[in-house]
PDB file of N, CA and C in Angstrom:
ATOM      1  N   UNK A   1     115.219 100.155  92.852  1.00  0.00           N
ATOM      2  CA  UNK A   1     115.434  98.861  92.258  1.00  0.00           C
ATOM      3  C   UNK A   1     116.458  98.122  93.106  1.00  0.00           C
ATOM      4  N   UNK A   2     116.214  96.852  93.311  1.00  0.00           N
ATOM      5  CA  UNK A   2     117.103  96.022  94.107  1.00  0.00           C
ATOM      6  C   UNK A   2     117.888  95.108  93.183  1.00  0.00           C
ATOM      7  N   UNK A   3     119.164  94.939  93.488  1.00  0.00           N
ATOM      8  CA  UNK A   3     119.982  94.048  92.681  1.00  0.00           C
ATOM      9  C   UNK A   3     120.615  92.998  93.572  1.00  0.00           C
ATOM     10  N   UNK A   4     120.785  91.816  93.031  1.00  0.00           N
ATOM     11  CA  UNK A   4     121.428  90.736  93.751  1.00  0.00           C
ATOM     12  C   UNK A   4     122.186  89.881  92.747  1.00  0.00           C
ATOM     13  N   UNK A   5     123.151  89.145  93.247  1.00  0.00           N
ATOM     14  CA  UNK A   5     123.958  88.322  92.366  1.00  0.00           C
ATOM     15  C   UNK A   5     123.906  86.881  92.842  1.00  0.00           C
ATOM     16  N   UNK A   6     123.743  85.963  91.899  1.00  0.00           N
ATOM     17  CA  UNK A   6     123.772  84.540  92.183  1.00  0.00           C
ATOM     18  C   UNK A   6     124.788  83.933  91.225  1.00  0.00           C
ATOM     19  N   UNK A   7     125.944  83.565  91.761  1.00  0.00           N
ATOM     20  CA  UNK A   7     127.031  83.127  90.896  1.00  0.00           C
ATOM     21  C   UNK A   7     127.575  84.327  90.138  1.00  0.00           C
ATOM     22  N   UNK A   8     127.641  84.227  88.820  1.00  0.00           N
ATOM     23  CA  UNK A   8     128.061  85.356  87.992  1.00  0.00           C
ATOM     24  C   UNK A   8     126.882  86.079  87.368  1.00  0.00           C
ATOM     25  N   UNK A   9     125.666  85.668  87.679  1.00  0.00           N
ATOM     26  CA  UNK A   9     124.458  86.245  87.082  1.00  0.00           C
ATOM     27  C   UNK A   9     123.865  87.297  88.014  1.00  0.00           C
ATOM     28  N   UNK A  10     123.561  88.469  87.487  1.00  0.00           N
ATOM     29  CA  UNK A  10     122.935  89.540  88.251  1.00  0.00           C
ATOM     30  C   UNK A  10     121.436  89.561  87.989  1.00  0.00           C
ATOM     31  N   UNK A  11     120.658  89.820  89.042  1.00  0.00           N
ATOM     32  CA  UNK A  11     119.204  89.915  88.941  1.00  0.00           C
ATOM     33  C   UNK A  11     118.770  91.267  89.504  1.00  0.00           C
ATOM     34  N   UNK A  12     117.819  91.890  88.839  1.00  0.00           N
ATOM     35  CA  UNK A  12     117.287  93.179  89.261  1.00  0.00           C
ATOM     36  C   UNK A  12     115.784  93.034  89.465  1.00  0.00           C
ATOM     37  N   UNK A  13     115.252  93.703  90.481  1.00  0.00           N
ATOM     38  CA  UNK A  13     113.825  93.531  90.722  1.00  0.00           C
ATOM     39  C   UNK A  13     113.153  94.739  91.345  1.00  0.00           C
ATOM     40  N   UNK A  14     111.881  94.887  90.982  1.00  0.00           N
ATOM     41  CA  UNK A  14     111.009  95.916  91.547  1.00  0.00           C
ATOM     42  C   UNK A  14     109.630  95.308  91.763  1.00  0.00           C
ATOM     43  N   UNK A  15     108.862  95.931  92.657  1.00  0.00           N
ATOM     44  CA  UNK A  15     107.484  95.514  92.888  1.00  0.00           C
ATOM     45  C   UNK A  15     106.571  96.709  92.696  1.00  0.00           C
ATOM     46  N   UNK A  16     105.375  96.431  92.222  1.00  0.00           N
ATOM     47  CA  UNK A  16     104.351  97.466  92.100  1.00  0.00           C
ATOM     48  C   UNK A  16     103.185  97.075  92.999  1.00  0.00           C
ATOM     49  N   UNK A  17     102.858  97.921  93.955  1.00  0.00           N
ATOM     50  CA  UNK A  17     101.696  97.729  94.818  1.00  0.00           C
ATOM     51  C   UNK A  17     100.585  98.601  94.258  1.00  0.00           C
ATOM     52  N   UNK A  18      99.475  97.973  93.884  1.00  0.00           N
ATOM     53  CA  UNK A  18      98.418  98.667  93.158  1.00  0.00           C
ATOM     54  C   UNK A  18      97.098  98.532  93.904  1.00  0.00           C
ATOM     55  N   UNK A  19      96.339  99.631  93.989  1.00  0.00           N
ATOM     56  CA  UNK A  19      94.978  99.619  94.529  1.00  0.00           C
ATOM     57  C   UNK A  19      94.028  99.853  93.365  1.00  0.00           C
ATOM     58  N   UNK A  20      93.073  98.925  93.205  1.00  0.00           N
ATOM     59  CA  UNK A  20      92.111  98.997  92.104  1.00  0.00           C
ATOM     60  C   UNK A  20      90.712  99.065  92.688  1.00  0.00           C
ATOM     61  N   UNK A  21      89.867  99.935  92.148  1.00  0.00           N
ATOM     62  CA  UNK A  21      88.480 100.034  92.571  1.00  0.00           C
ATOM     63  C   UNK A  21      87.731  98.782  92.126  1.00  0.00           C
ATOM     64  N   UNK A  22      86.979  98.172  93.045  1.00  0.00           N
ATOM     65  CA  UNK A  22      86.288  96.918  92.742  1.00  0.00           C
ATOM     66  C   UNK A  22      85.157  97.105  91.740  1.00  0.00           C
ATOM     67  N   UNK A  23      84.499  98.236  91.778  1.00  0.00           N
ATOM     68  CA  UNK A  23      83.359  98.456  90.878  1.00  0.00           C
ATOM     69  C   UNK A  23      83.795  98.813  89.464  1.00  0.00           C
ATOM     70  N   UNK A  24      84.705  99.764  89.353  1.00  0.00           N
ATOM     71  CA  UNK A  24      85.062 100.281  88.029  1.00  0.00           C
ATOM     72  C   UNK A  24      86.277  99.610  87.417  1.00  0.00           C
ATOM     73  N   UNK A  25      87.150  99.049  88.242  1.00  0.00           N
ATOM     74  CA  UNK A  25      88.372  98.450  87.729  1.00  0.00           C
ATOM     75  C   UNK A  25      89.470  99.461  87.456  1.00  0.00           C
ATOM     76  N   UNK A  26      89.267 100.710  87.862  1.00  0.00           N
ATOM     77  CA  UNK A  26      90.264 101.754  87.648  1.00  0.00           C
ATOM     78  C   UNK A  26      91.293 101.751  88.777  1.00  0.00           C
ATOM     79  N   UNK A  27      92.516 102.104  88.448  1.00  0.00           N
ATOM     80  CA  UNK A  27      93.592 102.160  89.425  1.00  0.00           C
ATOM     81  C   UNK A  27      93.469 103.423  90.265  1.00  0.00           C
ATOM     82  N   UNK A  28      93.466 103.252  91.606  1.00  0.00           N
ATOM     83  CA  UNK A  28      93.399 104.386  92.525  1.00  0.00           C
ATOM     84  C   UNK A  28      94.779 104.817  92.999  1.00  0.00           C
ATOM     85  N   UNK A  29      95.640 103.845  93.302  1.00  0.00           N
ATOM     86  CA  UNK A  29      96.972 104.140  93.832  1.00  0.00           C
ATOM     87  C   UNK A  29      97.982 103.183  93.233  1.00  0.00           C
ATOM     88  N   UNK A  30      99.205 103.679  93.086  1.00  0.00           N
ATOM     89  CA  UNK A  30     100.306 102.860  92.591  1.00  0.00           C
ATOM     90  C   UNK A  30     101.570 103.290  93.311  1.00  0.00           C
ATOM     91  N   UNK A  31     102.238 102.325  93.950  1.00  0.00           N
ATOM     92  CA  UNK A  31     103.499 102.584  94.636  1.00  0.00           C
ATOM     93  C   UNK A  31     104.492 101.534  94.171  1.00  0.00           C
ATOM     94  N   UNK A  32     105.654 101.960  93.693  1.00  0.00           N
ATOM     95  CA  UNK A  32     106.699 101.015  93.294  1.00  0.00           C
ATOM     96  C   UNK A  32     107.794 101.028  94.347  1.00  0.00           C
ATOM     97  N   UNK A  33     108.317  99.836  94.649  1.00  0.00           N
ATOM     98  CA  UNK A  33     109.359  99.696  95.655  1.00  0.00           C
ATOM     99  C   UNK A  33     110.406  98.716  95.155  1.00  0.00           C
ATOM    100  N   UNK A  34     111.499  98.629  95.894  1.00  0.00           N
ATOM    101  CA  UNK A  34     112.515  97.622  95.604  1.00  0.00           C
ATOM    102  C   UNK A  34     111.942  96.248  95.921  1.00  0.00           C
ATOM    103  N   UNK A  35     112.473  95.229  95.290  1.00  0.00           N
ATOM    104  CA  UNK A  35     111.923  93.883  95.437  1.00  0.00           C
ATOM    105  C   UNK A  35     112.102  93.320  96.839  1.00  0.00           C
ATOM    106  N   UNK A  36     113.089  93.800  97.577  1.00  0.00           N
ATOM    107  CA  UNK A  36     113.338  93.242  98.903  1.00  0.00           C
ATOM    108  C   UNK A  36     112.566  93.948 100.013  1.00  0.00           C
ATOM    109  N   UNK A  37     111.747  94.930  99.703  1.00  0.00           N
ATOM    110  CA  UNK A  37     110.972  95.644 100.725  1.00  0.00           C
ATOM    111  C   UNK A  37     109.651  94.931 100.983  1.00  0.00           C
ATOM    112  N   UNK A  38     109.272  94.876 102.255  1.00  0.00           N
ATOM    113  CA  UNK A  38     108.033  94.214 102.649  1.00  0.00           C
ATOM    114  C   UNK A  38     106.825  95.024 102.168  1.00  0.00           C
ATOM    115  N   UNK A  39     105.791  94.331 101.706  1.00  0.00           N
ATOM    116  CA  UNK A  39     104.592  94.997 101.201  1.00  0.00           C
ATOM    117  C   UNK A  39     103.838  95.753 102.289  1.00  0.00           C
ATOM    118  N   UNK A  40     103.924  95.275 103.523  1.00  0.00           N
ATOM    119  CA  UNK A  40     103.207  95.938 104.617  1.00  0.00           C
ATOM    120  C   UNK A  40     103.737  97.340 104.892  1.00  0.00           C
ATOM    121  N   UNK A  41     104.982  97.607 104.540  1.00  0.00           N
ATOM    122  CA  UNK A  41     105.539  98.946 104.755  1.00  0.00           C
ATOM    123  C   UNK A  41     104.832  99.990 103.907  1.00  0.00           C
ATOM    124  N   UNK A  42     104.273  99.603 102.784  1.00  0.00           N
ATOM    125  CA  UNK A  42     103.619 100.544 101.875  1.00  0.00           C
ATOM    126  C   UNK A  42     102.097 100.546 102.014  1.00  0.00           C
ATOM    127  N   UNK A  43     101.548  99.712 102.870  1.00  0.00           N
ATOM    128  CA  UNK A  43     100.090  99.602 102.984  1.00  0.00           C
ATOM    129  C   UNK A  43      99.449 100.922 103.403  1.00  0.00           C
ATOM    130  N   UNK A  44     100.087 101.670 104.289  1.00  0.00           N
ATOM    131  CA  UNK A  44      99.501 102.944 104.723  1.00  0.00           C
ATOM    132  C   UNK A  44      99.516 103.979 103.601  1.00  0.00           C
ATOM    133  N   UNK A  45     100.481 103.900 102.686  1.00  0.00           N
ATOM    134  CA  UNK A  45     100.526 104.825 101.548  1.00  0.00           C
ATOM    135  C   UNK A  45      99.466 104.497 100.507  1.00  0.00           C
ATOM    136  N   UNK A  46      99.028 103.259 100.479  1.00  0.00           N
ATOM    137  CA  UNK A  46      98.051 102.837  99.477  1.00  0.00           C
ATOM    138  C   UNK A  46      96.620 103.149  99.885  1.00  0.00           C
ATOM    139  N   UNK A  47      96.336 103.113 101.179  1.00  0.00           N
ATOM    140  CA  UNK A  47      94.965 103.313 101.650  1.00  0.00           C
ATOM    141  C   UNK A  47      94.674 104.789 101.866  1.00  0.00           C
ATOM    142  N   UNK A  48      93.772 105.310 101.095  1.00  0.00           N
ATOM    143  CA  UNK A  48      93.286 106.668 101.292  1.00  0.00           C
ATOM    144  C   UNK A  48      91.914 106.758 100.652  1.00  0.00           C
ATOM    145  N   UNK A  49      91.130 107.709 101.106  1.00  0.00           N
ATOM    146  CA  UNK A  49      89.792 107.859 100.548  1.00  0.00           C
ATOM    147  C   UNK A  49      88.779 106.987 101.265  1.00  0.00           C
ATOM    148  N   UNK A  50      87.714 106.667 100.584  1.00  0.00           N
ATOM    149  CA  UNK A  50      86.576 105.958 101.164  1.00  0.00           C
ATOM    150  C   UNK A  50      86.653 104.474 100.823  1.00  0.00           C
ATOM    151  N   UNK A  51      87.404 103.726 101.621  1.00  0.00           N
ATOM    152  CA  UNK A  51      87.543 102.285 101.409  1.00  0.00           C
ATOM    153  C   UNK A  51      86.832 101.556 102.549  1.00  0.00           C
ATOM    154  N   UNK A  52      86.016 100.567 102.207  1.00  0.00           N
ATOM    155  CA  UNK A  52      85.312  99.788 103.222  1.00  0.00           C
ATOM    156  C   UNK A  52      85.900  98.393 103.373  1.00  0.00           C
ATOM    157  N   UNK A  53      86.329  97.799 102.269  1.00  0.00           N
ATOM    158  CA  UNK A  53      86.904  96.461 102.272  1.00  0.00           C
ATOM    159  C   UNK A  53      88.252  96.498 101.565  1.00  0.00           C
ATOM    160  N   UNK A  54      89.187  95.704 102.075  1.00  0.00           N
ATOM    161  CA  UNK A  54      90.486  95.554 101.422  1.00  0.00           C
ATOM    162  C   UNK A  54      90.701  94.070 101.181  1.00  0.00           C
ATOM    163  N   UNK A  55      90.833  93.687  99.927  1.00  0.00           N
ATOM    164  CA  UNK A  55      91.134  92.316  99.541  1.00  0.00           C
ATOM    165  C   UNK A  55      92.601  92.259  99.154  1.00  0.00           C
ATOM    166  N   UNK A  56      93.360  91.372  99.794  1.00  0.00           N
ATOM    167  CA  UNK A  56      94.803  91.329  99.546  1.00  0.00           C
ATOM    168  C   UNK A  56      95.295  89.888  99.563  1.00  0.00           C
ATOM    169  N   UNK A  57      96.507  89.705  99.034  1.00  0.00           N
ATOM    170  CA  UNK A  57      97.090  88.372  99.053  1.00  0.00           C
ATOM    171  C   UNK A  57      97.790  88.139 100.394  1.00  0.00           C
ATOM    172  N   UNK A  58      98.421  86.979 100.543  1.00  0.00           N
ATOM    173  CA  UNK A  58      98.973  86.562 101.824  1.00  0.00           C
ATOM    174  C   UNK A  58     100.144  87.428 102.287  1.00  0.00           C
ATOM    175  N   UNK A  59     100.729  88.217 101.411  1.00  0.00           N
ATOM    176  CA  UNK A  59     101.847  89.074 101.817  1.00  0.00           C
ATOM    177  C   UNK A  59     101.403  90.178 102.770  1.00  0.00           C
ATOM    178  N   UNK A  60     100.113  90.458 102.844  1.00  0.00           N
ATOM    179  CA  UNK A  60      99.588  91.500 103.726  1.00  0.00           C
ATOM    180  C   UNK A  60      99.053  90.925 105.035  1.00  0.00           C
ATOM    181  N   UNK A  61      99.414  89.697 105.361  1.00  0.00           N
ATOM    182  CA  UNK A  61      98.959  89.078 106.594  1.00  0.00           C
ATOM    183  C   UNK A  61      99.495  89.868 107.791  1.00  0.00           C
ATOM    184  N   UNK A  62      98.629  90.186 108.725  1.00  0.00           N
ATOM    185  CA  UNK A  62      98.995  90.961 109.903  1.00  0.00           C
ATOM    186  C   UNK A  62      98.797  92.457 109.738  1.00  0.00           C
ATOM    187  N   UNK A  63      98.239  92.884 108.623  1.00  0.00           N
ATOM    188  CA  UNK A  63      98.057  94.319 108.378  1.00  0.00           C
ATOM    189  C   UNK A  63      97.065  94.934 109.354  1.00  0.00           C
ATOM    190  N   UNK A  64      96.038  94.186 109.741  1.00  0.00           N
ATOM    191  CA  UNK A  64      95.026  94.742 110.634  1.00  0.00           C
ATOM    192  C   UNK A  64      95.572  94.984 112.041  1.00  0.00           C
ATOM    193  N   UNK A  65      96.727  94.412 112.376  1.00  0.00           N
ATOM    194  CA  UNK A  65      97.318  94.581 113.699  1.00  0.00           C
ATOM    195  C   UNK A  65      98.302  95.751 113.768  1.00  0.00           C
ATOM    196  N   UNK A  66      98.656  96.328 112.648  1.00  0.00           N
ATOM    197  CA  UNK A  66      99.619  97.431 112.618  1.00  0.00           C
ATOM    198  C   UNK A  66      99.001  98.717 113.162  1.00  0.00           C
ATOM    199  N   UNK A  67      99.786  99.472 113.923  1.00  0.00           N
ATOM    200  CA  UNK A  67      99.292 100.708 114.548  1.00  0.00           C
ATOM    201  C   UNK A  67      98.873 101.745 113.518  1.00  0.00           C
ATOM    202  N   UNK A  68      99.676 101.929 112.480  1.00  0.00           N
ATOM    203  CA  UNK A  68      99.363 102.969 111.496  1.00  0.00           C
ATOM    204  C   UNK A  68      98.145 102.621 110.651  1.00  0.00           C
ATOM    205  N   UNK A  69      97.750 101.347 110.626  1.00  0.00           N
ATOM    206  CA  UNK A  69      96.586 100.939 109.846  1.00  0.00           C
ATOM    207  C   UNK A  69      95.330 100.771 110.691  1.00  0.00           C
ATOM    208  N   UNK A  70      95.450 100.847 112.020  1.00  0.00           N
ATOM    209  CA  UNK A  70      94.281 100.725 112.895  1.00  0.00           C
ATOM    210  C   UNK A  70      93.324 101.890 112.733  1.00  0.00           C
ATOM    211  N   UNK A  71      93.826 103.057 112.361  1.00  0.00           N
ATOM    212  CA  UNK A  71      92.970 104.238 112.194  1.00  0.00           C
ATOM    213  C   UNK A  71      92.044 104.095 110.993  1.00  0.00           C
ATOM    214  N   UNK A  72      92.430 103.262 110.038  1.00  0.00           N
ATOM    215  CA  UNK A  72      91.600 103.043 108.852  1.00  0.00           C
ATOM    216  C   UNK A  72      90.399 102.176 109.230  1.00  0.00           C
ATOM    217  N   UNK A  73      89.210 102.607 108.866  1.00  0.00           N
ATOM    218  CA  UNK A  73      87.987 101.863 109.178  1.00  0.00           C
ATOM    219  C   UNK A  73      87.655 100.932 108.019  1.00  0.00           C
ATOM    220  N   UNK A  74      88.496  99.935 107.815  1.00  0.00           N
ATOM    221  CA  UNK A  74      88.286  98.982 106.724  1.00  0.00           C
ATOM    222  C   UNK A  74      88.207  97.574 107.288  1.00  0.00           C
ATOM    223  N   UNK A  75      87.580  96.699 106.537  1.00  0.00           N
ATOM    224  CA  UNK A  75      87.544  95.282 106.869  1.00  0.00           C
ATOM    225  C   UNK A  75      88.543  94.576 105.964  1.00  0.00           C
ATOM    226  N   UNK A  76      89.467  93.869 106.578  1.00  0.00           N
ATOM    227  CA  UNK A  76      90.529  93.200 105.828  1.00  0.00           C
ATOM    228  C   UNK A  76      90.087  91.810 105.403  1.00  0.00           C
ATOM    229  N   UNK A  77      90.284  91.481 104.142  1.00  0.00           N
ATOM    230  CA  UNK A  77      90.033  90.153 103.584  1.00  0.00           C
ATOM    231  C   UNK A  77      91.340  89.693 102.956  1.00  0.00           C
ATOM    232  N   UNK A  78      92.099  88.913 103.719  1.00  0.00           N
ATOM    233  CA  UNK A  78      93.437  88.515 103.285  1.00  0.00           C
ATOM    234  C   UNK A  78      93.448  87.016 103.021  1.00  0.00           C
ATOM    235  N   UNK A  79      93.987  86.630 101.885  1.00  0.00           N
ATOM    236  CA  UNK A  79      94.032  85.226 101.476  1.00  0.00           C
ATOM    237  C   UNK A  79      94.998  84.442 102.368  1.00  0.00           C
ATOM    238  N   UNK A  80      94.758  83.149 102.471  1.00  0.00           N
ATOM    239  CA  UNK A  80      95.629  82.275 103.246  1.00  0.00           C
ATOM    240  C   UNK A  80      96.952  82.065 102.528  1.00  0.00           C
ATOM    241  N   UNK A  81      97.936  81.630 103.285  1.00  0.00           N
ATOM    242  CA  UNK A  81      99.232  81.320 102.704  1.00  0.00           C
ATOM    243  C   UNK A  81      99.120  80.039 101.884  1.00  0.00           C
ATOM    244  N   UNK A  82      99.906  79.918 100.813  1.00  0.00           N
ATOM    245  CA  UNK A  82      99.803  78.742  99.940  1.00  0.00           C
ATOM    246  C   UNK A  82     100.011  77.416 100.669  1.00  0.00           C
ATOM    247  N   UNK A  83     100.856  77.386 101.683  1.00  0.00           N
ATOM    248  CA  UNK A  83     101.091  76.148 102.425  1.00  0.00           C
ATOM    249  C   UNK A  83      99.850  75.652 103.153  1.00  0.00           C
ATOM    250  N   UNK A  84      99.059  76.570 103.688  1.00  0.00           N
ATOM    251  CA  UNK A  84      97.820  76.182 104.370  1.00  0.00           C
ATOM    252  C   UNK A  84      96.789  75.672 103.378  1.00  0.00           C
ATOM    253  N   UNK A  85      96.741  76.278 102.202  1.00  0.00           N
ATOM    254  CA  UNK A  85      95.795  75.818 101.185  1.00  0.00           C
ATOM    255  C   UNK A  85      96.155  74.428 100.685  1.00  0.00           C
ATOM    256  N   UNK A  86      97.439  74.135 100.637  1.00  0.00           N
ATOM    257  CA  UNK A  86      97.877  72.812 100.192  1.00  0.00           C
ATOM    258  C   UNK A  86      97.387  71.738 101.173  1.00  0.00           C
ATOM    259  N   UNK A  87      97.435  72.047 102.471  1.00  0.00           N
ATOM    260  CA  UNK A  87      96.937  71.109 103.473  1.00  0.00           C
ATOM    261  C   UNK A  87      95.430  70.918 103.348  1.00  0.00           C
ATOM    262  N   UNK A  88      94.702  71.987 103.029  1.00  0.00           N
ATOM    263  CA  UNK A  88      93.253  71.887 102.893  1.00  0.00           C
ATOM    264  C   UNK A  88      92.849  71.023 101.703  1.00  0.00           C
ATOM    265  N   UNK A  89      93.668  70.990 100.672  1.00  0.00           N
ATOM    266  CA  UNK A  89      93.330  70.228  99.470  1.00  0.00           C
ATOM    267  C   UNK A  89      93.409  68.718  99.678  1.00  0.00           C
ATOM    268  N   UNK A  90      93.974  68.265 100.796  1.00  0.00           N
ATOM    269  CA  UNK A  90      94.044  66.827 101.066  1.00  0.00           C
ATOM    270  C   UNK A  90      92.650  66.236 101.276  1.00  0.00           C
ATOM    271  N   UNK A  91      91.731  67.017 101.814  1.00  0.00           N
ATOM    272  CA  UNK A  91      90.377  66.565 102.091  1.00  0.00           C
ATOM    273  C   UNK A  91      89.395  67.479 101.368  1.00  0.00           C
ATOM    274  N   UNK A  92      89.229  67.300 100.060  1.00  0.00           N
ATOM    275  CA  UNK A  92      88.469  68.269  99.264  1.00  0.00           C
ATOM    276  C   UNK A  92      86.995  68.386  99.630  1.00  0.00           C
ATOM    277  N   UNK A  93      86.353  67.309 100.024  1.00  0.00           N
ATOM    278  CA  UNK A  93      84.924  67.402 100.352  1.00  0.00           C
ATOM    279  C   UNK A  93      84.693  68.237 101.600  1.00  0.00           C
ATOM    280  N   UNK A  94      85.520  68.039 102.586  1.00  0.00           N
ATOM    281  CA  UNK A  94      85.350  68.743 103.856  1.00  0.00           C
ATOM    282  C   UNK A  94      85.659  70.231 103.706  1.00  0.00           C
ATOM    283  N   UNK A  95      86.684  70.543 102.960  1.00  0.00           N
ATOM    284  CA  UNK A  95      87.177  71.917 102.891  1.00  0.00           C
ATOM    285  C   UNK A  95      86.762  72.656 101.628  1.00  0.00           C
ATOM    286  N   UNK A  96      85.748  72.188 100.935  1.00  0.00           N
ATOM    287  CA  UNK A  96      85.337  72.789  99.671  1.00  0.00           C
ATOM    288  C   UNK A  96      84.930  74.254  99.840  1.00  0.00           C
ATOM    289  N   UNK A  97      84.179  74.558 100.868  1.00  0.00           N
ATOM    290  CA  UNK A  97      83.715  75.928 101.101  1.00  0.00           C
ATOM    291  C   UNK A  97      84.890  76.837 101.448  1.00  0.00           C
ATOM    292  N   UNK A  98      85.799  76.360 102.265  1.00  0.00           N
ATOM    293  CA  UNK A  98      86.961  77.160 102.650  1.00  0.00           C
ATOM    294  C   UNK A  98      87.805  77.488 101.430  1.00  0.00           C
ATOM    295  N   UNK A  99      88.032  76.496 100.575  1.00  0.00           N
ATOM    296  CA  UNK A  99      88.835  76.729  99.374  1.00  0.00           C
ATOM    297  C   UNK A  99      88.168  77.726  98.437  1.00  0.00           C
ATOM    298  N   UNK A 100      86.852  77.656  98.307  1.00  0.00           N
ATOM    299  CA  UNK A 100      86.153  78.597  97.429  1.00  0.00           C
ATOM    300  C   UNK A 100      86.249  80.024  97.954  1.00  0.00           C
ATOM    301  N   UNK A 101      86.094  80.206  99.266  1.00  0.00           N
ATOM    302  CA  UNK A 101      86.189  81.558  99.814  1.00  0.00           C
ATOM    303  C   UNK A 101      87.609  82.104  99.695  1.00  0.00           C
ATOM    304  N   UNK A 102      88.610  81.257  99.880  1.00  0.00           N
ATOM    305  CA  UNK A 102      89.993  81.711  99.723  1.00  0.00           C
ATOM    306  C   UNK A 102      90.274  82.087  98.277  1.00  0.00           C
ATOM    307  N   UNK A 103      89.708  81.346  97.345  1.00  0.00           N
ATOM    308  CA  UNK A 103      89.882  81.681  95.929  1.00  0.00           C
ATOM    309  C   UNK A 103      89.249  83.036  95.625  1.00  0.00           C
ATOM    310  N   UNK A 104      88.065  83.277  96.178  1.00  0.00           N
ATOM    311  CA  UNK A 104      87.400  84.562  95.956  1.00  0.00           C
ATOM    312  C   UNK A 104      88.185  85.716  96.566  1.00  0.00           C
ATOM    313  N   UNK A 105      88.763  85.496  97.758  1.00  0.00           N
ATOM    314  CA  UNK A 105      89.551  86.548  98.389  1.00  0.00           C
ATOM    315  C   UNK A 105      90.807  86.857  97.580  1.00  0.00           C
ATOM    316  N   UNK A 106      91.409  85.824  97.018  1.00  0.00           N
ATOM    317  CA  UNK A 106      92.661  86.019  96.281  1.00  0.00           C
ATOM    318  C   UNK A 106      92.433  86.649  94.914  1.00  0.00           C
ATOM    319  N   UNK A 107      91.281  86.429  94.310  1.00  0.00           N
ATOM    320  CA  UNK A 107      91.055  86.939  92.959  1.00  0.00           C
ATOM    321  C   UNK A 107      90.260  88.231  92.930  1.00  0.00           C
ATOM    322  N   UNK A 108      89.708  88.644  94.047  1.00  0.00           N
ATOM    323  CA  UNK A 108      88.905  89.882  94.059  1.00  0.00           C
ATOM    324  C   UNK A 108      89.762  91.104  94.107  1.00  0.00           C
TER     325      UNK A 108
END
């Protein structure tokens, strides 16, 4: 657990990194870490077994380039960062398909 102080107020935080099977919805892996630890540090602990696709949020950007994750034969589907999606929303007709695919990647 990570603790930090802002003024006289203390805040405590933890993160749970969870792997869920897409077909059954059952939890395969669960790793808890301190709130200040990067999610990519735990990605190798989460991937095991027969995984073909990995759908993740923007915090896992760059995972496919990591040495310890190159051995895994998975296809990474990582959502865009919120700032990029905000720029795409300026022109909704042009970027409608891109926004839909990003929504599917983020919610799958």
